[in-house]
Each structure stands twice: as structure tokens, then as C-alpha cells.
């Protein structure tokens, strides 16, 4: 069994986090993005809390981060989840452990809903989130067109998934 730790992402982790993000981009099934941004742009787009990484020694194996869905206070407990696992460590339970830790972190902080958008072709991600209580709540058909790689010019659907906490926001 592989030994690793899950802890908060630090700014100095960015180069490894970015490399994992680029691996996801290269699959064509993780995001509409064609490149990973610089640290400042990424940092400003993601919530400071709940940025987690899976570490084995000095190596980052996976990361998770949240972005806000709205600046309106009524949505303060709702966040969009991104989770990426390095290619070499996919299918080894690392994503599941990271997702479980992220759910625990967000529920402890009072967040009541995590959302995500996943390409239908990304079946491993869909299986992972469904195993952890996310429900498929809809499909956005031909919501965006790929701009890079073998899929450039291809319209893509996105499956909307959502997990409602059973402990936060239940009043």
C-alpha cells in the first residue's frame, strides 16, 4: 500500500500542481482549457481554504481546489470542485482519498453543496464522484467547443453533478 499524506496546498506546490493540471488537459477529457494559467491567475480564481494536495515525500500526486459559484451571500455554502490526479497514480484510490478529505474539509467549514461539470467521456471521474454521494443533475448539451488537440472544433457536452451535505446546511 502506498503511503502518502493529504494536506493544504502551498504556493510553492504550484509547479507540480500545474504539471498535473497539464496532464489532465492533455487527455482532452478534463477541461475546456487549453493551458494552465500562471500562479496569480489560478490563485485568484480558487478559494484559499480547501486547496488540498496528496503528497508522497516531496512529490505531489493529486490536488483538489474549489472555486466560488457566485458572490451572492445566499450561495456562500456552494462551491465548484476541481480534482486532478497525476497520470501515473490514477486508479489507485488516491482520488477517492482526496475527495473524501475535501468533503470532510468543506462540511466542517459549513459548505452544503459541491458542484462539478464532467465530460461524459470521463467515466472514471463520474464513477468517483457518484461513489462519494454526487448525483447527476443534468447535462449541458454542446455547451462549449474544444479549441486544442485532436478534438479542436468539437462541441462537447458536460454532465452536471452535485453533492448535498447531510451535515452542513441542514437547518
Protein backbone atom coordinates (compact mmCIF):
# COMPACT_ATOMS: atom_id res chain seq x y z
CA UNK A 1 0.00 0.00 0.00
CA UNK A 2 1.31 3.42 -0.94
CA UNK A 3 1.98 5.84 1.89
CA UNK A 4 1.03 9.45 1.33
CA UNK A 5 -0.37 12.42 3.20
CA UNK A 6 -3.16 14.84 2.37
CA UNK A 7 -2.58 18.42 3.43
CA UNK A 8 -3.02 22.03 2.39
CA UNK A 9 -1.60 23.23 -0.88
CA UNK A 10 1.20 25.77 -0.57
CA UNK A 11 2.20 28.34 -3.20
CA UNK A 12 5.48 26.50 -3.66
CA UNK A 13 3.48 23.42 -4.75
CA UNK A 14 2.23 25.29 -7.82
CA UNK A 15 4.69 23.92 -10.39
CA UNK A 16 3.78 20.32 -9.53
CA UNK A 17 0.06 21.16 -9.31
CA UNK A 18 0.29 22.89 -12.68
CA UNK A 19 2.04 19.87 -14.22
CA UNK A 20 -0.78 17.59 -13.03
CA UNK A 21 -3.31 20.05 -14.44
CA UNK A 22 -1.48 19.99 -17.79
CA UNK A 23 -1.65 16.17 -17.79
CA UNK A 24 -5.41 16.44 -17.33
CA UNK A 25 -5.68 19.00 -20.12
CA UNK A 26 -3.71 16.70 -22.43
CA UNK A 27 -6.30 13.92 -22.04
CA UNK A 28 -8.91 16.08 -23.77
CA UNK A 29 -11.48 14.86 -21.23
CA UNK A 30 -10.83 17.02 -18.18
CA UNK A 31 -11.48 20.63 -19.13
CA UNK A 32 -12.15 23.05 -21.96
CA UNK A 33 -8.93 24.86 -21.02
CA UNK A 34 -6.01 24.55 -23.42
CA UNK A 35 -3.30 25.59 -20.97
CA UNK A 36 -2.79 26.01 -17.25
CA UNK A 37 -2.64 29.63 -16.10
CA UNK A 38 0.15 31.22 -14.11
CA UNK A 39 0.01 31.07 -10.31
CA UNK A 40 -1.53 34.52 -9.81
CA UNK A 41 -4.43 33.86 -12.16
CA UNK A 42 -5.09 30.39 -10.73
CA UNK A 43 -4.74 31.64 -7.15
CA UNK A 44 -7.27 34.43 -7.66
CA UNK A 45 -9.80 32.01 -9.19
CA UNK A 46 -9.76 29.48 -6.34
CA UNK A 47 -10.92 29.66 -2.73
CA UNK A 48 -7.97 29.91 -0.31
CA UNK A 49 -9.37 27.26 2.01
CA UNK A 50 -9.87 23.66 0.91
CA UNK A 51 -6.94 23.54 -1.53
CA UNK A 52 -5.61 20.10 -0.80
CA UNK A 53 -2.77 18.03 -2.21
CA UNK A 54 -1.77 14.41 -1.89
CA UNK A 55 1.95 14.16 -1.11
CA UNK A 56 4.37 11.29 -1.17
CA UNK A 57 7.52 12.80 0.26
CA UNK A 58 8.20 15.91 -1.81
CA UNK A 59 6.08 14.75 -4.74
CA UNK A 60 2.51 15.92 -5.36
CA UNK A 61 0.33 13.06 -6.66
CA UNK A 62 -3.03 14.86 -6.85
CA UNK A 63 -4.76 18.09 -5.96
CA UNK A 64 -8.24 19.44 -5.30
CA UNK A 65 -9.44 23.03 -5.18
CA UNK A 66 -12.71 24.95 -5.03
CA UNK A 67 -13.96 27.97 -6.88
CA UNK A 68 -16.96 30.06 -5.94
CA UNK A 69 -20.14 29.69 -7.96
CA UNK A 70 -21.46 33.13 -7.05
CA UNK A 71 -20.51 36.16 -4.99
CA UNK A 72 -24.08 36.37 -3.64
CA UNK A 73 -24.22 35.53 0.06
CA UNK A 74 -27.08 33.06 -0.41
CA UNK A 75 -24.62 30.82 -2.29
CA UNK A 76 -21.83 31.09 0.30
CA UNK A 77 -22.05 27.36 1.05
CA UNK A 78 -21.85 26.26 -2.58
CA UNK A 79 -18.58 25.67 -4.42
CA UNK A 80 -17.34 24.14 -7.65
CA UNK A 81 -14.85 21.32 -7.18
CA UNK A 82 -11.82 20.55 -9.34
CA UNK A 83 -9.81 17.42 -8.66
CA UNK A 84 -6.85 16.10 -10.65
CA UNK A 85 -4.64 13.03 -10.17
CA UNK A 86 -1.32 12.60 -11.92
CA UNK A 87 -1.46 10.06 -14.74
CA UNK A 88 0.94 7.66 -13.02
CA UNK A 89 -1.26 7.39 -9.93
CA UNK A 90 -4.77 7.20 -11.37
CA UNK A 91 -6.89 4.21 -10.40
CA UNK A 92 -5.03 3.65 -7.10
CA UNK A 93 -7.56 5.17 -4.69
CA UNK A 94 -5.74 8.48 -4.36
CA UNK A 95 -8.57 10.46 -5.96
CA UNK A 96 -11.07 8.79 -3.63
CA UNK A 97 -9.00 9.63 -0.55
CA UNK A 98 -8.58 13.22 -1.73
CA UNK A 99 -12.28 13.61 -2.49
CA UNK A 100 -13.20 12.21 0.93
CA UNK A 101 -10.80 14.67 2.60
CA UNK A 102 -12.21 17.56 0.57
CA UNK A 103 -15.77 16.66 1.52
CA UNK A 104 -14.75 16.49 5.18
CA UNK A 105 -12.98 19.83 4.99
CA UNK A 106 -15.88 21.59 3.30
CA UNK A 107 -18.54 20.13 5.59
CA UNK A 108 -16.54 21.12 8.67
CA UNK A 109 -16.44 24.67 7.27
CA UNK A 110 -20.22 24.68 6.68
CA UNK A 111 -20.34 24.29 2.91
CA UNK A 112 -23.52 22.45 1.99
CA UNK A 113 -23.13 21.83 -1.75
CA UNK A 114 -20.27 20.81 -4.01
CA UNK A 115 -20.81 21.02 -7.75
CA UNK A 116 -18.89 19.86 -10.76
CA UNK A 117 -19.03 19.62 -14.52
CA UNK A 118 -17.61 16.47 -16.11
CA UNK A 119 -17.36 15.44 -19.74
CA UNK A 120 -19.49 12.30 -20.31
CA UNK A 121 -16.42 10.54 -21.72
CA UNK A 122 -14.60 10.96 -18.39
CA UNK A 123 -16.17 7.84 -16.92
CA UNK A 124 -13.56 7.36 -14.15
CA UNK A 125 -14.36 10.82 -12.73
CA UNK A 126 -18.09 10.22 -12.99
CA UNK A 127 -17.73 6.89 -11.14
CA UNK A 128 -15.58 8.53 -8.46
CA UNK A 129 -17.95 11.36 -7.63
CA UNK A 130 -21.03 9.14 -7.72
CA UNK A 131 -19.33 6.79 -5.24
CA UNK A 132 -18.99 9.77 -2.90
CA UNK A 133 -22.59 10.94 -2.95
CA UNK A 134 -22.68 13.20 -6.01
CA UNK A 135 -25.80 12.96 -8.15
CA UNK A 136 -26.10 13.66 -11.83
CA UNK A 137 -28.44 16.64 -12.00
CA UNK A 138 -28.36 17.36 -15.70
CA UNK A 139 -26.50 17.57 -18.95
CA UNK A 140 -25.48 20.73 -20.75
CA UNK A 141 -25.54 19.75 -24.40
CA UNK A 142 -22.93 21.19 -26.74
CA UNK A 143 -22.08 23.81 -24.10
CA UNK A 144 -18.59 24.52 -25.41
CA UNK A 145 -16.25 23.82 -28.29
CA UNK A 146 -12.78 22.41 -27.82
CA UNK A 147 -10.01 24.71 -29.03
CA UNK A 148 -6.98 22.42 -28.99
CA UNK A 149 -5.66 18.96 -29.77
CA UNK A 150 -7.39 16.17 -31.68
CA UNK A 151 -10.78 17.44 -30.52
CA UNK A 152 -10.34 21.04 -31.70
CA UNK A 153 -13.62 22.30 -33.12
CA UNK A 154 -15.67 19.57 -31.42
CA UNK A 155 -18.73 20.59 -29.42
CA UNK A 156 -18.78 18.92 -26.01
CA UNK A 157 -21.50 18.06 -23.51
CA UNK A 158 -20.93 18.44 -19.78
CA UNK A 159 -22.60 16.33 -17.09
CA UNK A 160 -23.55 18.44 -14.07
CA UNK A 161 -23.00 16.72 -10.74
CA UNK A 162 -23.83 17.89 -7.24
CA UNK A 163 -23.35 16.66 -3.70
CA UNK A 164 -25.57 17.97 -0.95
CA UNK A 165 -24.13 17.58 2.54
CA UNK A 166 -26.04 15.58 5.10
CA UNK A 167 -24.39 17.53 7.95
CA UNK A 168 -23.88 21.12 6.75
CA UNK A 169 -26.71 23.44 5.82
CA UNK A 170 -29.43 21.09 7.05
CA UNK A 171 -31.28 23.60 9.21
